C-alpha atoms as a PDB file:
ATOM      1  CA  MET A   1      61.013 -87.226 -44.225  1.00  0.00           C
ATOM      2  CA  ASN A   2      57.422 -88.429 -43.958  1.00  0.00           C
ATOM      3  CA  ILE A   3      55.806 -91.104 -46.081  1.00  0.00           C
ATOM      4  CA  VAL A   4      52.428 -89.734 -47.168  1.00  0.00           C
ATOM      5  CA  LEU A   5      49.656 -91.947 -48.550  1.00  0.00           C
ATOM      6  CA  ILE A   6      47.075 -90.428 -50.871  1.00  0.00           C
ATOM      7  CA  GLY A   7      44.258 -91.963 -52.885  1.00  0.00           C
ATOM      8  CA  TYR A   8      40.541 -92.561 -53.088  1.00  0.00           C
ATOM      9  CA  ARG A   9      38.449 -93.973 -50.252  1.00  0.00           C
ATOM     10  CA  CYS A  10      39.096 -97.612 -49.401  1.00  0.00           C
ATOM     11  CA  CYS A  11      42.335 -97.851 -51.370  1.00  0.00           C
ATOM     12  CA  GLY A  12      44.137 -98.960 -48.193  1.00  0.00           C
ATOM     13  CA  LYS A  13      45.745 -95.774 -46.874  1.00  0.00           C
ATOM     14  CA  THR A  14      44.990 -96.455 -43.207  1.00  0.00           C
ATOM     15  CA  THR A  15      45.678-100.196 -43.131  1.00  0.00           C
ATOM     16  CA  VAL A  16      48.813 -99.960 -45.270  1.00  0.00           C
ATOM     17  CA  GLY A  17      49.924 -96.888 -43.324  1.00  0.00           C
ATOM     18  CA  GLN A  18      49.617 -98.672 -39.998  1.00  0.00           C
ATOM     19  CA  ASP A  19      51.633-101.591 -41.354  1.00  0.00           C
ATOM     20  CA  LEU A  20      54.295 -99.259 -42.773  1.00  0.00           C
ATOM     21  CA  ALA A  21      54.593 -97.415 -39.482  1.00  0.00           C
ATOM     22  CA  ARG A  22      55.067-100.692 -37.593  1.00  0.00           C
ATOM     23  CA  GLU A  23      57.651-101.961 -40.082  1.00  0.00           C
ATOM     24  CA  LEU A  24      59.605 -98.703 -40.116  1.00  0.00           C
ATOM     25  CA  GLY A  25      59.262 -97.860 -36.418  1.00  0.00           C
ATOM     26  CA  ARG A  26      57.498 -94.577 -37.171  1.00  0.00           C
ATOM     27  CA  TYR A  27      54.424 -92.899 -35.778  1.00  0.00           C
ATOM     28  CA  PHE A  28      51.245 -93.251 -37.819  1.00  0.00           C
ATOM     29  CA  VAL A  29      48.908 -90.296 -38.342  1.00  0.00           C
ATOM     30  CA  ASP A  30      45.551 -90.460 -40.098  1.00  0.00           C
ATOM     31  CA  SER A  31      44.579 -86.911 -41.126  1.00  0.00           C
ATOM     32  CA  ASP A  32      40.843 -87.598 -40.733  1.00  0.00           C
ATOM     33  CA  ARG A  33      41.388 -88.934 -37.199  1.00  0.00           C
ATOM     34  CA  PHE A  34      43.596 -85.895 -36.521  1.00  0.00           C
ATOM     35  CA  VAL A  35      40.647 -83.624 -37.423  1.00  0.00           C
ATOM     36  CA  GLU A  36      38.357 -85.698 -35.210  1.00  0.00           C
ATOM     37  CA  GLU A  37      40.728 -85.473 -32.250  1.00  0.00           C
ATOM     38  CA  LYS A  38      41.104 -81.703 -32.633  1.00  0.00           C
ATOM     39  CA  THR A  39      37.364 -81.085 -32.943  1.00  0.00           C
ATOM     40  CA  GLY A  40      36.021 -83.894 -30.764  1.00  0.00           C
ATOM     41  CA  CYS A  41      33.606 -84.705 -33.565  1.00  0.00           C
ATOM     42  CA  PRO A  42      33.501 -87.495 -36.202  1.00  0.00           C
ATOM     43  CA  VAL A  43      34.196 -86.416 -39.784  1.00  0.00           C
ATOM     44  CA  GLU A  44      30.751 -87.505 -40.964  1.00  0.00           C
ATOM     45  CA  ALA A  45      29.120 -85.366 -38.238  1.00  0.00           C
ATOM     46  CA  ILE A  46      31.249 -82.350 -39.214  1.00  0.00           C
ATOM     47  CA  ILE A  47      30.202 -82.737 -42.839  1.00  0.00           C
ATOM     48  CA  ARG A  48      26.551 -83.343 -41.984  1.00  0.00           C
ATOM     49  CA  SER A  49      26.281 -80.312 -39.685  1.00  0.00           C
ATOM     50  CA  MET A  50      28.782 -77.845 -41.172  1.00  0.00           C
ATOM     51  CA  GLY A  51      29.298 -79.038 -44.764  1.00  0.00           C
ATOM     52  CA  TRP A  52      32.191 -80.163 -46.927  1.00  0.00           C
ATOM     53  CA  ASN A  53      33.756 -76.692 -47.161  1.00  0.00           C
ATOM     54  CA  HIS A  54      34.080 -76.472 -43.386  1.00  0.00           C
ATOM     55  CA  PHE A  55      35.605 -79.938 -43.238  1.00  0.00           C
ATOM     56  CA  ARG A  56      38.080 -79.050 -46.019  1.00  0.00           C
ATOM     57  CA  GLN A  57      39.206 -76.008 -44.023  1.00  0.00           C
ATOM     58  CA  LEU A  58      39.758 -78.170 -40.921  1.00  0.00           C
ATOM     59  CA  GLU A  59      41.607 -80.691 -43.110  1.00  0.00           C
ATOM     60  CA  LYS A  60      43.833 -77.913 -44.483  1.00  0.00           C
ATOM     61  CA  GLU A  61      44.712 -76.721 -40.978  1.00  0.00           C
ATOM     62  CA  SER A  62      45.515 -80.293 -39.940  1.00  0.00           C
ATOM     63  CA  VAL A  63      47.671 -80.912 -43.018  1.00  0.00           C
ATOM     64  CA  GLY A  64      49.609 -77.761 -42.186  1.00  0.00           C
ATOM     65  CA  GLU A  65      50.277 -79.028 -38.691  1.00  0.00           C
ATOM     66  CA  ILE A  66      51.065 -82.619 -39.713  1.00  0.00           C
ATOM     67  CA  SER A  67      53.391 -81.570 -42.536  1.00  0.00           C
ATOM     68  CA  ARG A  68      55.639 -79.697 -40.094  1.00  0.00           C
ATOM     69  CA  LYS A  69      56.432 -82.973 -38.321  1.00  0.00           C
ATOM     70  CA  ASP A  70      59.042 -85.507 -39.416  1.00  0.00           C
ATOM     71  CA  ASN A  71      59.456 -89.290 -39.717  1.00  0.00           C
ATOM     72  CA  LEU A  72      55.740 -90.015 -39.806  1.00  0.00           C
ATOM     73  CA  VAL A  73      53.615 -92.279 -41.947  1.00  0.00           C
ATOM     74  CA  VAL A  74      50.578 -90.194 -42.890  1.00  0.00           C
ATOM     75  CA  ALA A  75      47.278 -91.449 -44.302  1.00  0.00           C
ATOM     76  CA  THR A  76      45.339 -88.569 -45.813  1.00  0.00           C
ATOM     77  CA  GLY A  77      41.684 -88.140 -46.633  1.00  0.00           C
ATOM     78  CA  GLY A  78      40.776 -88.962 -50.227  1.00  0.00           C
ATOM     79  CA  GLY A  79      40.127 -85.337 -51.152  1.00  0.00           C
ATOM     80  CA  VAL A  80      43.285 -83.842 -49.674  1.00  0.00           C
ATOM     81  CA  VAL A  81      44.696 -83.247 -53.173  1.00  0.00           C
ATOM     82  CA  LEU A  82      41.760 -81.001 -54.119  1.00  0.00           C
ATOM     83  CA  ASP A  83      43.634 -78.150 -52.441  1.00  0.00           C
ATOM     84  CA  GLY A  84      46.969 -77.579 -54.166  1.00  0.00           C
ATOM     85  CA  GLU A  85      48.405 -76.046 -51.018  1.00  0.00           C
ATOM     86  CA  ASN A  86      47.790 -79.311 -49.157  1.00  0.00           C
ATOM     87  CA  ALA A  87      49.714 -81.269 -51.783  1.00  0.00           C
ATOM     88  CA  SER A  88      52.594 -78.762 -51.696  1.00  0.00           C
ATOM     89  CA  ARG A  89      52.816 -78.864 -47.917  1.00  0.00           C
ATOM     90  CA  LEU A  90      52.773 -82.656 -47.817  1.00  0.00           C
ATOM     91  CA  LYS A  91      55.466 -82.914 -50.506  1.00  0.00           C
ATOM     92  CA  ARG A  92      57.774 -80.394 -48.803  1.00  0.00           C
ATOM     93  CA  ASN A  93      58.724 -82.919 -46.146  1.00  0.00           C
ATOM     94  CA  GLY A  94      57.158 -86.034 -47.581  1.00  0.00           C
ATOM     95  CA  TRP A  95      57.498 -88.780 -50.115  1.00  0.00           C
ATOM     96  CA  VAL A  96      53.996 -89.162 -51.512  1.00  0.00           C
ATOM     97  CA  VAL A  97      52.557 -92.563 -52.440  1.00  0.00           C
ATOM     98  CA  TRP A  98      49.362 -92.831 -54.463  1.00  0.00           C
ATOM     99  CA  LEU A  99      47.450 -95.967 -53.527  1.00  0.00           C
ATOM    100  CA  LYS A 100      44.853 -96.750 -56.125  1.00  0.00           C
ATOM    101  CA  GLY A 101      42.450 -99.552 -56.878  1.00  0.00           C
ATOM    102  CA  ARG A 102      39.880-100.685 -59.392  1.00  0.00           C
ATOM    103  CA  ALA A 103      36.432 -99.201 -58.800  1.00  0.00           C
ATOM    104  CA  GLU A 104      34.807-102.598 -58.184  1.00  0.00           C
ATOM    105  CA  VAL A 105      37.396-103.466 -55.532  1.00  0.00           C
ATOM    106  CA  LEU A 106      36.971-100.102 -53.807  1.00  0.00           C
ATOM    107  CA  ARG A 107      33.192-100.607 -53.813  1.00  0.00           C
ATOM    108  CA  GLU A 108      33.555-104.060 -52.205  1.00  0.00           C
ATOM    109  CA  ARG A 109      35.807-102.597 -49.506  1.00  0.00           C
ATOM    110  CA  MET A 110      33.360 -99.749 -48.932  1.00  0.00           C
ATOM    111  CA  ASP A 111      30.493-102.236 -48.527  1.00  0.00           C
ATOM    112  CA  ARG A 112      32.560-104.207 -45.997  1.00  0.00           C
ATOM    113  CA  ASP A 113      33.312-101.034 -44.036  1.00  0.00           C
ATOM    114  CA  GLN A 114      29.635-100.091 -44.039  1.00  0.00           C
ATOM    115  CA  ARG A 115      28.737-103.487 -42.550  1.00  0.00           C
ATOM    116  CA  LEU A 116      31.216-102.615 -39.778  1.00  0.00           C
ATOM    117  CA  ASP A 117      29.399 -99.281 -39.236  1.00  0.00           C
ATOM    118  CA  LYS A 118      32.133 -97.152 -40.774  1.00  0.00           C
ATOM    119  CA  ILE A 119      30.169 -94.299 -42.297  1.00  0.00           C
ATOM    120  CA  ARG A 120      31.517 -92.520 -45.366  1.00  0.00           C
ATOM    121  CA  PRO A 121      29.577 -89.395 -46.322  1.00  0.00           C
ATOM    122  CA  PRO A 122      28.441 -89.398 -49.963  1.00  0.00           C
ATOM    123  CA  LEU A 123      30.375 -87.187 -52.341  1.00  0.00           C
ATOM    124  CA  THR A 124      27.888 -86.925 -55.214  1.00  0.00           C
ATOM    125  CA  GLY A 125      24.633 -88.636 -54.269  1.00  0.00           C
ATOM    126  CA  ASN A 126      25.099 -91.109 -57.145  1.00  0.00           C
ATOM    127  CA  ASP A 127      25.132 -94.880 -56.884  1.00  0.00           C
ATOM    128  CA  PRO A 128      28.325 -95.744 -54.929  1.00  0.00           C
ATOM    129  CA  LEU A 129      30.056 -97.457 -57.871  1.00  0.00           C
ATOM    130  CA  GLU A 130      29.172 -94.567 -60.201  1.00  0.00           C
ATOM    131  CA  GLU A 131      30.424 -92.147 -57.541  1.00  0.00           C
ATOM    132  CA  ILE A 132      33.762 -93.973 -57.264  1.00  0.00           C
ATOM    133  CA  ILE A 133      34.240 -93.874 -61.038  1.00  0.00           C
ATOM    134  CA  LEU A 134      33.191 -90.225 -61.389  1.00  0.00           C
ATOM    135  CA  VAL A 135      35.167 -88.848 -58.461  1.00  0.00           C
ATOM    136  CA  SER A 136      38.249 -90.938 -59.286  1.00  0.00           C
ATOM    137  CA  GLU A 137      38.211 -89.558 -62.836  1.00  0.00           C
ATOM    138  CA  GLN A 138      38.075 -86.036 -61.394  1.00  0.00           C
ATOM    139  CA  ARG A 139      40.932 -86.635 -58.941  1.00  0.00           C
ATOM    140  CA  ASN A 140      43.307 -89.024 -60.729  1.00  0.00           C
ATOM    141  CA  ALA A 141      45.330 -86.264 -62.400  1.00  0.00           C
ATOM    142  CA  LEU A 142      45.778 -84.572 -59.005  1.00  0.00           C
ATOM    143  CA  TYR A 143      46.879 -87.830 -57.387  1.00  0.00           C
ATOM    144  CA  GLU A 144      49.297 -88.471 -60.263  1.00  0.00           C
ATOM    145  CA  GLN A 145      50.746 -84.972 -60.032  1.00  0.00           C
ATOM    146  CA  ALA A 146      51.309 -85.237 -56.272  1.00  0.00           C
ATOM    147  CA  ALA A 147      52.728 -88.777 -56.241  1.00  0.00           C
ATOM    148  CA  ASN A 148      56.355 -89.857 -56.134  1.00  0.00           C
ATOM    149  CA  PHE A 149      55.328 -93.517 -56.232  1.00  0.00           C
ATOM    150  CA  THR A 150      52.165 -95.361 -57.247  1.00  0.00           C
ATOM    151  CA  VAL A 151      50.820 -98.735 -56.145  1.00  0.00           C
ATOM    152  CA  ASP A 152      47.617-100.429 -57.272  1.00  0.00           C
ATOM    153  CA  THR A 153      46.293-102.183 -54.173  1.00  0.00           C
ATOM    154  CA  SER A 154      43.512-104.115 -55.943  1.00  0.00           C
ATOM    155  CA  ASP A 155      45.146-107.539 -56.020  1.00  0.00           C
ATOM    156  CA  PHE A 156      47.844-107.376 -53.373  1.00  0.00           C
ATOM    157  CA  SER A 157      47.972-107.951 -49.646  1.00  0.00           C
ATOM    158  CA  ILE A 158      48.635-105.156 -47.197  1.00  0.00           C
ATOM    159  CA  LYS A 159      52.066-106.652 -46.574  1.00  0.00           C
ATOM    160  CA  ASP A 160      52.912-106.796 -50.301  1.00  0.00           C
ATOM    161  CA  VAL A 161      51.897-103.164 -50.780  1.00  0.00           C
ATOM    162  CA  ALA A 162      53.818-102.028 -47.682  1.00  0.00           C
ATOM    163  CA  ASP A 163      56.905-104.010 -48.730  1.00  0.00           C
ATOM    164  CA  SER A 164      56.772-102.436 -52.196  1.00  0.00           C
ATOM    165  CA  ILE A 165      56.602 -98.953 -50.675  1.00  0.00           C
ATOM    166  CA  ILE A 166      59.457 -99.623 -48.248  1.00  0.00           C
ATOM    167  CA  LYS A 167      61.664-101.039 -50.992  1.00  0.00           C
ATOM    168  CA  ALA A 168      61.009 -98.077 -53.316  1.00  0.00           C
ATOM    169  CA  PHE A 169      61.454 -95.537 -50.532  1.00  0.00           C
ATOM    170  CA  ARG A 170      64.816 -96.992 -49.564  1.00  0.00           C
ATOM    171  CA  LYS A 171      65.956 -97.367 -53.170  1.00  0.00           C
ATOM    172  CA  ASN A 172      64.849 -93.940 -54.337  1.00  0.00           C
ATOM    173  CA  GLY A 173      65.769 -92.034 -51.215  1.00  0.00           C
ATOM    174  CA  GLY A 174      62.307 -90.579 -51.194  1.00  0.00           C
ATOM    175  CA  ARG A 175      62.894 -88.561 -54.351  1.00  0.00           C
ATOM    176  CA  LYS A 176      62.273 -90.423 -57.575  1.00  0.00           C
ATOM    177  CA  ARG A 177      58.941 -90.933 -59.306  1.00  0.00           C
ATOM    178  CA  SER A 178      58.215 -94.599 -59.918  1.00  0.00           C
ATOM    179  CA  HIS A 179      55.513 -97.264 -59.920  1.00  0.00           C
ATOM    180  CA  GLY A 180      55.168-100.291 -57.675  1.00  0.00           C
ATOM    181  CA  VAL A 181      53.221-103.510 -57.789  1.00  0.00           C
ATOM    182  CA  ARG A 182      50.345-103.422 -60.235  1.00  0.00           C
END
């Protein structure tokens, strides 16, 4: 069974996922990087040249491929839950963890990433904080529906979040719906 991390941008899916994979001795897969490796093109360039719909189709194909594998830790793109088929595929062989965070914290993390030249294509064209609030409100019900476990990463270290996930995964056998550190 895979451990699948979902949530909005900058909630910690990649960093927590890498830590989880190390701790559990599993392979780590980032679905956005998977798309980049298959296409030879960065996500932001795909979106800029071909649009969001094209990227979502590539994401869907990648999710299909990733979800057929086992014993992975998977970090998904923030919008993966927009396609119900993606969520179903990921849940078939995965225990899904929703990482969430307060909008202000996500904005700070996004600013830090931008200073490190990590480009995140805009989703709405609004002010970044407004965009986080708006898009999160649109997606939160989808994240909640897909999740077996939820962790708010706002005030906890990567290690604390990963430890919470590992403990819940082992306790619940990857089946039960529950909430972690808040």
